[in-house]
Amino acid sequence: MTVNPLAPDWLAHPLDANGLIDGVWPRGAVRGGDGVIELAGVSATELAARYGTPLYVMDEADVRGRAREAREAFDREFAGVGGSAKVYYAGKAFLSAEVARWVTEEGLSIDVASGGELALALAAGVAPERIGLHGNNKSLAEIDRAVRESVGVIIIDSIVEIGRVADAAARHGRRQPVRLRVNSGVHAHTHEYLATAREDQKFGIALADAAATVAIIRSRPELEFLGLHSHIGSQIFETEGFAEAARRLMELHAELLAGGPVPELNLGGGFGIAYTSADRALPIERIAAALAGIVAAEAQRLGVPVPVVAVEPGRAIVGPSTVTLYEVGTIKDVLVDGAAVRRYVSVDGGMSDNARPALYEADYSVRIASRASDADPALVRVAGKHCESGDIVVRADYLPGDVEPGDLVAVPATGAYCWSLSSNYNYLARPAVVAVRDGEARVIVRGETESDLLARDMGLAPRMPEVGTEAQNGKQ
């Protein structure tokens, strides 16, 4: 076995480049007897033939199962320490009407971070009281709609929002429940742009200023203060950061109890998933047990009741459920530094359907989906078709050395922040999202067409008055 020196240290040379790595692929993914990958009983080749490529394929049972397991784990662990829990699905990871229904049917609430996400959740039939609204710069129209629709909680992100939410509540004759987002100062071990609890960033209130800010909230009779909110980052593989954030927040929580009720504590999300063979994601049961243990220990030490604890997993629910299918177009062997060959496998999508490698240097895995092969593994880099040298889908993995144009390849763990970050760069249409379950497939988000793209260009249509979004038209 000859190891390509261009392979990163974390990437093991596989004995079989056809194998599907446990924990990276959806639970319903298998390679069939004919060598074709099947997703919840539907073959990848059938999906590509029916719906085209690129294509997001989501395993419905996987999403439902992870949502249910998260709810059961947090319910069980916090009941065991005399408390209770709320699990919100972080809609920013991926939100569609069907997914909103799946997660709420499994007992989760949903948090949204914009007027558009709020509109989608409401249109999907999510009960308003099960919705939380986030955002560091909520518009007046977004705040007004959230209050008017009686959402369960609005997360206050700055002092100026206190008056805006209170004024909206007064207009609608409602006492609006709110949480206050605070920066715990805990630095999660994650990419710089994924760390969201550092002091020098746009989210939340410094821990030192939180008590005074809560006093302002409590001075407005239109607001009901539920508690504190924290989010320390994303794609986190250890519990120590959550534990330290919980300790700091519980100190403040206990202090605030002297001035009135503080029924809840929201510890956010950010639980990591496996994208490659090198990733070791924590089981949700272990995360729930660790958080319950530290909150209960701190409550006992401080002499306060265990609060209702809320968490907000998004990636951990939907991320592993989805595979993106591509067709190989060209293959190019490039001699690097005169010493080794990097094989570029170019596909019919790229950074327009998965921006994470370009944004965060994220790593992914890849396998041939349309057949199995006994050819020796070759190190490959899967590239997109965009006019950017950074348009890489998979930085490094092994495929059978006979990979060729026309092969269908599959990239797993693309359920979170792929469709939701997708774009029309180079005028590529966004792919469809197809749900699979029990051998059946159905479209849950229609793919765009060139006609969709051209329809927005007013130079190609009769002159009409410009029409903005509802939020733009309703801006106050």
Protein backbone atom coordinates (compact mmCIF):
# COMPACT_ATOMS: atom_id res chain seq x y z
CA MET A 1 0.00 0.00 0.00
CA THR A 2 1.45 3.35 -1.10
CA VAL A 3 0.20 6.34 0.86
CA ASN A 4 -0.07 9.57 -1.08
CA PRO A 5 2.02 12.22 0.77
CA LEU A 6 -0.65 14.80 -0.05
CA ALA A 7 -3.15 13.04 2.22
CA PRO A 8 -3.81 14.88 5.50
CA ASP A 9 -2.60 13.17 8.66
CA TRP A 10 -6.13 12.50 9.90
CA LEU A 11 -7.22 10.63 6.76
CA ALA A 12 -6.59 6.90 6.99
CA HIS A 13 -5.91 4.94 3.81
CA PRO A 14 -8.98 2.65 3.47
CA LEU A 15 -8.85 -1.05 2.85
CA ASP A 16 -12.12 -0.63 0.92
CA ALA A 17 -13.00 2.67 -0.76
CA ASN A 18 -16.60 1.47 -1.11
CA GLY A 19 -17.39 1.31 2.60
CA LEU A 20 -19.83 3.69 4.28
CA ILE A 21 -18.42 5.04 7.53
CA ASP A 22 -20.65 4.46 10.55
CA GLY A 23 -21.86 7.70 12.10
CA VAL A 24 -21.17 9.76 8.97
CA TRP A 25 -23.89 8.39 6.71
CA PRO A 26 -27.66 8.41 7.35
CA ARG A 27 -28.90 5.44 9.32
CA GLY A 28 -30.86 4.25 6.29
CA ALA A 29 -27.84 4.24 3.95
CA VAL A 30 -26.48 0.91 2.68
CA ARG A 31 -24.64 -0.31 -0.39
CA GLY A 32 -26.90 -2.78 -2.16
CA GLY A 33 -25.98 -6.08 -3.67
CA ASP A 34 -25.57 -4.43 -7.07
CA GLY A 35 -23.06 -1.99 -5.59
CA VAL A 36 -25.40 1.01 -5.73
CA ILE A 37 -25.91 3.05 -2.56
CA GLU A 38 -29.48 2.93 -1.27
CA LEU A 39 -30.98 5.59 0.97
CA ALA A 40 -33.97 4.41 3.03
CA GLY A 41 -34.60 1.76 0.40
CA VAL A 42 -34.31 4.02 -2.66
CA SER A 43 -31.30 3.64 -4.94
CA ALA A 44 -29.10 6.63 -5.66
CA THR A 45 -29.25 5.95 -9.38
CA GLU A 46 -33.06 5.99 -9.33
CA LEU A 47 -33.06 9.26 -7.40
CA ALA A 48 -30.63 10.89 -9.83
CA ALA A 49 -32.60 9.67 -12.82
CA ARG A 50 -35.90 11.00 -11.43
CA TYR A 51 -34.77 14.30 -9.95
CA GLY A 52 -31.42 15.14 -11.51
CA THR A 53 -28.20 16.23 -9.84
CA PRO A 54 -27.04 17.90 -7.72
CA LEU A 55 -29.68 16.59 -5.32
CA TYR A 56 -30.10 16.71 -1.56
CA VAL A 57 -31.57 13.41 -0.28
CA MET A 58 -32.90 13.45 3.29
CA ASP A 59 -33.69 10.34 5.33
CA GLU A 60 -36.95 11.22 7.10
CA ALA A 61 -36.73 8.42 9.66
CA ASP A 62 -33.20 9.56 10.56
CA VAL A 63 -34.38 13.13 11.24
CA ARG A 64 -37.37 11.96 13.25
CA GLY A 65 -35.29 9.47 15.19
CA ARG A 66 -32.65 12.01 16.20
CA ALA A 67 -35.30 14.54 17.20
CA ARG A 68 -37.11 11.97 19.33
CA GLU A 69 -33.89 10.72 20.91
CA ALA A 70 -32.86 14.25 21.85
CA ARG A 71 -36.20 14.96 23.50
CA GLU A 72 -36.23 11.65 25.36
CA ALA A 73 -32.63 12.02 26.54
CA PHE A 74 -33.08 15.52 27.94
CA ASP A 75 -36.47 14.69 29.45
CA ARG A 76 -35.03 11.61 31.17
CA GLU A 77 -31.82 13.19 32.45
CA PHE A 78 -33.40 16.35 33.82
CA ALA A 79 -36.32 14.47 35.36
CA GLY A 80 -33.66 12.45 37.14
CA VAL A 81 -32.32 15.58 38.88
CA GLY A 82 -35.74 17.00 39.73
CA GLY A 83 -36.09 19.30 36.75
CA SER A 84 -37.40 19.33 33.21
CA ALA A 85 -36.16 20.27 29.75
CA LYS A 86 -37.24 21.89 26.51
CA VAL A 87 -35.62 20.95 23.21
CA TYR A 88 -35.80 23.45 20.36
CA TYR A 89 -34.82 22.54 16.82
CA ALA A 90 -32.50 25.25 15.44
CA GLY A 91 -34.26 26.03 12.19
CA LYS A 92 -31.28 27.89 10.72
CA ALA A 93 -29.62 24.52 10.06
CA PHE A 94 -32.34 23.56 7.59
CA LEU A 95 -35.97 24.58 7.55
CA SER A 96 -38.81 23.44 5.35
CA ALA A 97 -42.47 22.84 6.06
CA GLU A 98 -42.01 19.08 6.17
CA VAL A 99 -39.02 19.19 8.50
CA ALA A 100 -40.85 21.63 10.77
CA ARG A 101 -43.72 19.15 11.01
CA TRP A 102 -41.43 16.17 11.58
CA VAL A 103 -39.59 17.72 14.51
CA THR A 104 -42.68 19.15 16.18
CA GLU A 105 -44.49 15.84 15.81
CA GLU A 106 -41.54 14.29 17.66
CA GLY A 107 -42.02 16.75 20.53
CA LEU A 108 -39.55 19.52 19.72
CA SER A 109 -40.11 23.26 19.58
CA ILE A 110 -38.42 25.40 16.92
CA ASP A 111 -36.24 28.46 17.09
CA VAL A 112 -36.06 30.84 14.14
CA ALA A 113 -33.67 33.67 13.37
CA SER A 114 -35.49 35.85 10.84
CA GLY A 115 -38.89 36.93 9.64
CA GLY A 116 -38.66 34.46 6.77
CA GLU A 117 -37.96 31.52 9.07
CA LEU A 118 -40.80 32.66 11.32
CA ALA A 119 -43.17 32.87 8.34
CA LEU A 120 -42.20 29.36 7.23
CA ALA A 121 -42.72 27.86 10.69
CA LEU A 122 -46.12 29.50 11.06
CA ALA A 123 -47.19 28.50 7.54
CA ALA A 124 -46.17 24.91 8.32
CA GLY A 125 -48.62 24.92 11.23
CA VAL A 126 -46.14 25.14 14.09
CA ALA A 127 -47.98 26.39 17.18
CA PRO A 128 -46.72 29.93 17.94
CA GLU A 129 -46.10 29.09 21.58
CA ARG A 130 -43.52 26.52 20.43
CA ILE A 131 -41.46 29.09 18.52
CA GLY A 132 -38.53 31.17 19.77
CA LEU A 133 -37.23 34.16 17.80
CA HIS A 134 -33.49 34.87 17.72
CA GLY A 135 -31.44 37.52 15.96
CA ASN A 136 -28.97 40.28 16.76
CA ASN A 137 -30.78 42.84 14.58
CA LYS A 138 -34.46 41.99 14.47
CA SER A 139 -36.40 44.52 12.43
CA LEU A 140 -39.37 46.35 13.89
CA ALA A 141 -41.58 44.44 11.48
CA GLU A 142 -40.14 41.08 12.60
CA ILE A 143 -40.62 41.95 16.27
CA ASP A 144 -44.14 43.20 15.68
CA ARG A 145 -45.13 40.06 13.81
CA ALA A 146 -43.64 37.76 16.44
CA VAL A 147 -45.56 39.55 19.20
CA ARG A 148 -48.74 39.71 17.14
CA GLU A 149 -48.55 35.97 16.45
CA SER A 150 -47.92 35.25 20.17
CA VAL A 151 -44.62 33.42 19.76
CA GLY A 152 -43.51 31.58 22.85
CA VAL A 153 -40.35 33.58 23.48
CA ILE A 154 -38.25 36.35 21.96
CA ILE A 155 -34.55 36.28 22.77
CA ILE A 156 -33.42 39.82 23.63
CA ASP A 157 -29.99 40.40 22.09
CA SER A 158 -29.33 44.06 22.96
CA ILE A 159 -30.58 46.77 25.27
CA VAL A 160 -32.30 48.62 22.43
CA GLU A 161 -34.47 45.56 21.74
CA ILE A 162 -36.04 45.75 25.19
CA GLY A 163 -38.00 48.86 24.31
CA ARG A 164 -38.85 47.62 20.84
CA VAL A 165 -40.31 44.33 22.10
CA ALA A 166 -42.10 46.02 25.01
CA ASP A 167 -43.64 48.64 22.71
CA ALA A 168 -44.88 45.93 20.35
CA ALA A 169 -46.34 44.00 23.28
CA ALA A 170 -48.15 47.13 24.46
CA ARG A 171 -49.61 47.68 20.97
CA HIS A 172 -50.97 44.15 20.88
CA GLY A 173 -52.11 43.98 24.50
CA ARG A 174 -49.79 41.09 25.26
CA ARG A 175 -47.24 40.26 27.94
CA GLN A 176 -44.40 38.87 25.86
CA PRO A 177 -42.08 36.20 27.33
CA VAL A 178 -38.39 36.97 26.69
CA ARG A 179 -34.95 35.57 27.41
CA LEU A 180 -31.72 37.56 27.53
CA ARG A 181 -28.76 36.33 25.50
CA VAL A 182 -25.51 36.70 27.39
CA ASN A 183 -21.91 36.04 26.45
CA SER A 184 -20.53 33.56 28.95
CA GLY A 185 -16.93 34.20 27.88
CA VAL A 186 -16.44 30.48 27.25
CA HIS A 187 -14.49 29.82 24.07
CA ALA A 188 -15.59 26.60 22.42
CA HIS A 189 -12.95 24.62 20.53
CA THR A 190 -14.21 25.45 17.08
CA HIS A 191 -13.54 27.55 13.98
CA GLU A 192 -13.13 31.27 14.67
CA TYR A 193 -16.31 32.16 12.79
CA LEU A 194 -18.31 29.44 14.55
CA ALA A 195 -17.48 30.66 18.06
CA THR A 196 -20.42 32.73 19.29
CA ALA A 197 -19.83 33.35 23.00
CA ARG A 198 -16.70 35.49 22.80
CA GLU A 199 -16.84 39.04 24.09
CA ASP A 200 -15.67 40.65 20.83
CA GLN A 201 -18.57 39.67 18.59
CA LYS A 202 -22.04 40.78 17.61
CA PHE A 203 -24.25 38.52 19.74
CA GLY A 204 -25.64 39.12 23.20
CA ILE A 205 -24.79 41.08 26.35
CA ALA A 206 -21.56 40.78 28.36
CA LEU A 207 -21.99 38.70 31.49
CA ALA A 208 -20.96 41.67 33.63
CA ASP A 209 -23.79 43.79 32.20
CA ALA A 210 -26.49 41.14 32.36
CA ALA A 211 -27.93 41.88 35.82
CA ALA A 212 -28.47 45.56 34.97
CA THR A 213 -30.03 44.60 31.64
CA VAL A 214 -32.42 42.17 33.34
CA ALA A 215 -33.47 45.00 35.66
CA ILE A 216 -34.46 47.05 32.61
CA ILE A 217 -36.45 44.11 31.25
CA ARG A 218 -38.24 43.70 34.57
CA SER A 219 -39.08 47.41 34.63
CA ARG A 220 -41.32 46.92 31.58
CA PRO A 221 -44.63 45.33 32.66
CA GLU A 222 -45.25 44.22 29.07
CA LEU A 223 -42.36 41.73 29.31
CA GLU A 224 -42.11 38.43 31.17
CA PHE A 225 -38.51 37.51 31.93
CA LEU A 226 -38.02 33.74 31.51
CA GLY A 227 -34.27 33.52 31.99
CA LEU A 228 -30.85 33.61 30.37
CA HIS A 229 -29.71 32.28 27.03
CA SER A 230 -26.19 31.28 25.97
CA HIS A 231 -24.66 29.76 22.85
CA ILE A 232 -20.94 28.99 22.98
CA GLY A 233 -20.35 27.91 19.38
CA SER A 234 -20.98 25.19 16.83
CA GLN A 235 -19.60 21.76 15.88
CA ILE A 236 -18.40 21.07 19.43
CA PHE A 237 -17.12 17.59 20.35
CA GLU A 238 -16.65 17.91 24.11
CA THR A 239 -18.82 18.81 27.10
CA GLU A 240 -16.32 20.88 29.08
CA GLY A 241 -17.27 24.13 27.35
CA PHE A 242 -20.96 23.59 28.02
CA ALA A 243 -20.21 22.70 31.63
CA GLU A 244 -18.16 25.85 32.23
CA ALA A 245 -20.80 28.03 30.56
CA ALA A 246 -23.49 26.41 32.72
CA ARG A 247 -21.48 27.14 35.90
CA ARG A 248 -21.11 30.81 35.02
CA LEU A 249 -24.75 31.16 34.01
CA MET A 250 -26.01 29.41 37.12
CA GLU A 251 -24.11 31.92 39.27
CA LEU A 252 -25.94 34.76 37.52
CA HIS A 253 -29.21 32.80 37.52
CA ALA A 254 -29.04 32.48 41.32
CA GLU A 255 -28.24 36.18 41.70
CA LEU A 256 -31.23 37.15 39.55
CA LEU A 257 -33.62 35.02 41.61
CA ALA A 258 -33.34 37.61 44.37
CA GLY A 259 -35.19 40.07 42.14
CA GLY A 260 -37.94 37.84 40.82
CA PRO A 261 -38.72 34.55 39.07
CA VAL A 262 -36.18 33.03 36.68
CA PRO A 263 -37.87 29.80 35.63
CA GLU A 264 -35.60 28.79 32.73
CA LEU A 265 -32.00 28.55 31.56
CA ASN A 266 -31.20 28.06 27.87
CA LEU A 267 -27.77 26.56 27.17
CA GLY A 268 -28.04 26.75 23.38
CA GLY A 269 -26.82 24.15 20.92
CA GLY A 270 -23.71 23.55 18.85
CA PHE A 271 -23.43 19.77 19.35
CA GLY A 272 -21.00 18.39 16.75
CA ILE A 273 -21.56 15.65 14.18
CA ALA A 274 -19.20 13.40 12.24
CA TYR A 275 -18.30 14.53 8.73
CA THR A 276 -15.29 12.24 8.28
CA SER A 277 -13.78 9.10 9.77
CA ALA A 278 -11.68 11.31 12.08
CA ASP A 279 -14.68 12.91 13.81
CA ARG A 280 -16.01 11.51 17.09
CA ALA A 281 -19.40 12.98 17.80
CA LEU A 282 -20.77 12.72 21.34
CA PRO A 283 -24.01 10.74 21.68
CA ILE A 284 -26.90 13.02 22.59
CA GLU A 285 -27.52 10.89 25.71
CA ARG A 286 -24.04 11.72 26.99
CA ILE A 287 -24.51 15.43 26.36
CA ALA A 288 -27.87 15.41 28.17
CA ALA A 289 -26.43 13.54 31.14
CA ALA A 290 -23.45 15.89 31.42
CA LEU A 291 -25.59 19.03 31.31
CA ALA A 292 -28.11 17.65 33.80
CA GLY A 293 -25.31 16.72 36.17
CA ILE A 294 -23.59 20.09 36.14
CA VAL A 295 -26.82 22.13 36.40
CA ALA A 296 -28.04 20.00 39.30
CA ALA A 297 -24.69 20.24 41.09
CA GLU A 298 -24.60 24.02 40.69
CA ALA A 299 -28.22 24.39 41.82
CA GLN A 300 -27.42 22.41 44.96
CA ARG A 301 -24.26 24.40 45.63
CA LEU A 302 -26.10 27.70 45.21
CA GLY A 303 -29.19 26.58 47.10
CA VAL A 304 -31.64 27.23 44.25
CA PRO A 305 -34.15 25.02 42.42
CA VAL A 306 -33.08 23.27 39.23
CA PRO A 307 -34.42 25.50 36.43
CA VAL A 308 -36.18 24.32 33.31
CA VAL A 309 -33.25 23.86 30.94
CA ALA A 310 -33.62 24.48 27.21
CA VAL A 311 -31.24 23.40 24.45
CA GLU A 312 -31.21 24.11 20.73
CA PRO A 313 -29.70 21.33 18.58
CA GLY A 314 -29.99 21.84 14.83
CA ARG A 315 -27.02 20.24 13.09
CA ALA A 316 -27.21 17.25 15.45
CA ILE A 317 -30.81 16.59 14.36
CA VAL A 318 -30.68 17.14 10.61
CA GLY A 319 -26.99 17.11 9.65
CA PRO A 320 -26.34 13.34 9.43
CA SER A 321 -29.67 12.69 7.70
CA THR A 322 -28.77 13.98 4.26
CA VAL A 323 -26.59 13.00 1.32
CA THR A 324 -25.87 15.20 -1.69
CA LEU A 325 -25.66 13.39 -5.02
CA TYR A 326 -23.50 14.72 -7.85
CA GLU A 327 -22.49 13.50 -11.30
CA VAL A 328 -18.79 13.43 -12.15
CA GLY A 329 -17.93 15.55 -15.17
CA THR A 330 -14.16 15.73 -15.54
CA ILE A 331 -11.14 14.14 -13.89
CA LYS A 332 -7.71 15.74 -13.82
CA ASP A 333 -4.48 14.47 -12.31
CA VAL A 334 -2.28 17.34 -11.12
CA LEU A 335 1.38 16.87 -10.23
CA VAL A 336 2.05 18.77 -6.99
CA ASP A 337 5.60 20.01 -6.29
CA GLY A 338 6.89 17.42 -8.72
CA ALA A 339 6.40 14.75 -6.08
CA ALA A 340 2.83 13.47 -5.92
CA VAL A 341 -0.41 13.49 -7.87
CA ARG A 342 -3.64 15.03 -6.66
CA ARG A 343 -6.66 13.79 -8.58
CA TYR A 344 -9.33 16.44 -9.09
CA VAL A 345 -12.81 14.99 -9.55
CA SER A 346 -15.10 17.78 -10.74
CA VAL A 347 -18.85 17.53 -10.21
CA ASP A 348 -21.94 19.39 -11.37
CA GLY A 349 -22.44 21.40 -8.18
CA GLY A 350 -20.08 23.02 -5.71
CA MET A 351 -19.98 26.01 -3.41
CA SER A 352 -23.46 27.08 -4.50
CA ASP A 353 -24.94 23.99 -2.81
CA ASN A 354 -22.29 23.55 -0.08
CA ALA A 355 -20.54 26.73 1.01
CA ARG A 356 -19.08 25.29 4.22
CA PRO A 357 -15.70 24.16 2.83
CA ALA A 358 -15.11 27.66 1.43
CA LEU A 359 -16.44 29.42 4.54
CA TYR A 360 -15.00 27.25 7.31
CA GLU A 361 -12.46 24.94 5.64
CA ALA A 362 -14.90 22.17 6.51
CA ASP A 363 -14.02 18.59 5.60
CA TYR A 364 -16.43 16.10 4.06
CA SER A 365 -16.35 12.49 2.85
CA VAL A 366 -17.27 11.03 -0.55
CA ARG A 367 -18.10 7.68 -2.12
CA ILE A 368 -19.06 6.47 -5.58
CA ALA A 369 -22.82 5.93 -5.33
CA SER A 370 -23.67 4.31 -8.66
CA ARG A 371 -21.44 1.23 -8.40
CA ALA A 372 -18.87 -0.58 -6.31
CA SER A 373 -15.30 -1.10 -7.48
CA ASP A 374 -12.34 -3.26 -6.52
CA ALA A 375 -9.83 -0.77 -7.94
CA ASP A 376 -7.12 0.44 -5.59
CA PRO A 377 -8.08 3.57 -3.60
CA ALA A 378 -6.80 6.86 -4.97
CA LEU A 379 -6.58 10.17 -3.11
CA VAL A 380 -9.04 12.64 -4.63
CA ARG A 381 -10.22 16.21 -4.20
CA VAL A 382 -13.82 16.77 -5.25
CA ALA A 383 -14.16 20.16 -6.90
CA GLY A 384 -17.20 22.12 -7.97
CA LYS A 385 -17.88 23.78 -11.31
CA HIS A 386 -17.73 27.42 -10.17
CA CYS A 387 -15.21 30.00 -11.32
CA GLU A 388 -13.37 29.96 -7.98
CA SER A 389 -10.20 28.07 -7.08
CA GLY A 390 -11.66 27.67 -3.58
CA ASP A 391 -14.71 25.86 -4.93
CA ILE A 392 -13.98 22.56 -3.21
CA VAL A 393 -16.64 20.13 -1.95
CA VAL A 394 -14.37 17.44 -0.45
CA ARG A 395 -10.78 18.44 0.29
CA ALA A 396 -9.42 14.94 0.69
CA ASP A 397 -10.79 11.42 0.59
CA TYR A 398 -10.19 8.15 -1.20
CA LEU A 399 -12.25 6.87 -4.12
CA PRO A 400 -11.61 3.78 -6.24
CA GLY A 401 -8.89 4.63 -8.74
CA ASP A 402 -11.18 3.90 -11.68
CA VAL A 403 -13.59 6.76 -10.87
CA GLU A 404 -14.67 8.19 -14.22
CA PRO A 405 -16.92 10.78 -15.86
CA GLY A 406 -20.58 9.84 -15.52
CA ASP A 407 -20.15 8.20 -12.13
CA LEU A 408 -22.60 9.30 -9.47
CA VAL A 409 -20.88 10.31 -6.23
CA ALA A 410 -22.44 10.94 -2.83
CA VAL A 411 -21.28 13.33 -0.12
CA PRO A 412 -22.84 12.53 3.29
CA ALA A 413 -23.65 14.73 6.31
CA THR A 414 -24.97 17.62 4.20
CA GLY A 415 -28.26 18.17 6.01
CA ALA A 416 -27.17 21.23 7.99
CA TYR A 417 -26.08 24.57 6.55
CA CYS A 418 -25.80 23.34 2.97
CA TRP A 419 -29.24 24.03 1.50
CA SER A 420 -29.73 26.91 3.95
CA LEU A 421 -26.48 28.59 2.79
CA SER A 422 -26.99 27.76 -0.89
CA SER A 423 -26.79 30.44 -3.56
CA ASN A 424 -27.17 31.10 -7.27
CA TYR A 425 -23.51 31.88 -7.84
CA ASN A 426 -22.66 31.65 -11.55
CA TYR A 427 -26.44 31.43 -12.07
CA LEU A 428 -26.69 27.85 -10.94
CA ALA A 429 -30.16 26.88 -9.77
CA ARG A 430 -30.51 25.60 -6.22
CA PRO A 431 -31.06 21.83 -6.11
CA ALA A 432 -34.20 20.10 -4.94
CA VAL A 433 -34.51 18.43 -1.55
CA VAL A 434 -36.02 14.95 -1.68
CA ALA A 435 -37.18 13.01 1.38
CA VAL A 436 -36.88 9.22 1.40
CA ARG A 437 -38.63 6.79 3.69
CA ASP A 438 -39.54 3.10 3.47
CA GLY A 439 -38.56 2.81 -0.17
CA GLU A 440 -40.47 5.91 -1.29
CA ALA A 441 -39.19 9.33 -2.35
CA ARG A 442 -40.92 12.69 -2.57
CA VAL A 443 -39.82 16.26 -3.18
CA ILE A 444 -40.08 18.47 -0.09
CA VAL A 445 -38.37 21.53 -1.59
CA ARG A 446 -38.67 22.05 -5.33
CA GLY A 447 -35.45 22.61 -7.20
CA GLU A 448 -35.06 25.88 -9.03
CA THR A 449 -35.07 26.17 -12.82
CA GLU A 450 -33.40 28.62 -15.16
CA SER A 451 -36.85 30.15 -15.63
CA ASP A 452 -36.97 30.86 -11.89
CA LEU A 453 -33.64 32.66 -12.11
CA LEU A 454 -34.56 34.70 -15.18
CA ALA A 455 -37.99 35.65 -13.83
CA ARG A 456 -36.43 37.98 -11.26
CA ASP A 457 -34.45 39.95 -13.83
CA MET A 458 -36.63 42.95 -14.63
CA GLY A 459 -34.63 43.62 -17.78
CA LEU A 460 -36.25 40.49 -19.22
CA ALA A 461 -39.83 41.35 -18.24
CA PRO A 462 -42.34 44.15 -18.90
CA ARG A 463 -41.66 47.13 -16.66
CA MET A 464 -43.58 46.75 -13.42
CA PRO A 465 -43.51 48.58 -10.08
CA GLU A 466 -40.86 47.14 -7.80
CA VAL A 467 -42.27 44.90 -5.08
CA GLY A 468 -40.32 44.21 -1.90
CA THR A 469 -40.71 41.51 0.69
CA GLU A 470 -43.41 41.71 3.32
CA ALA A 471 -40.78 42.63 5.88
CA GLN A 472 -39.43 45.42 3.67
CA ASN A 473 -42.89 46.78 2.90
CA GLY A 474 -43.85 46.62 6.56
CA LYS A 475 -40.70 48.25 7.91
CA GLN A 476 -41.61 50.85 10.49
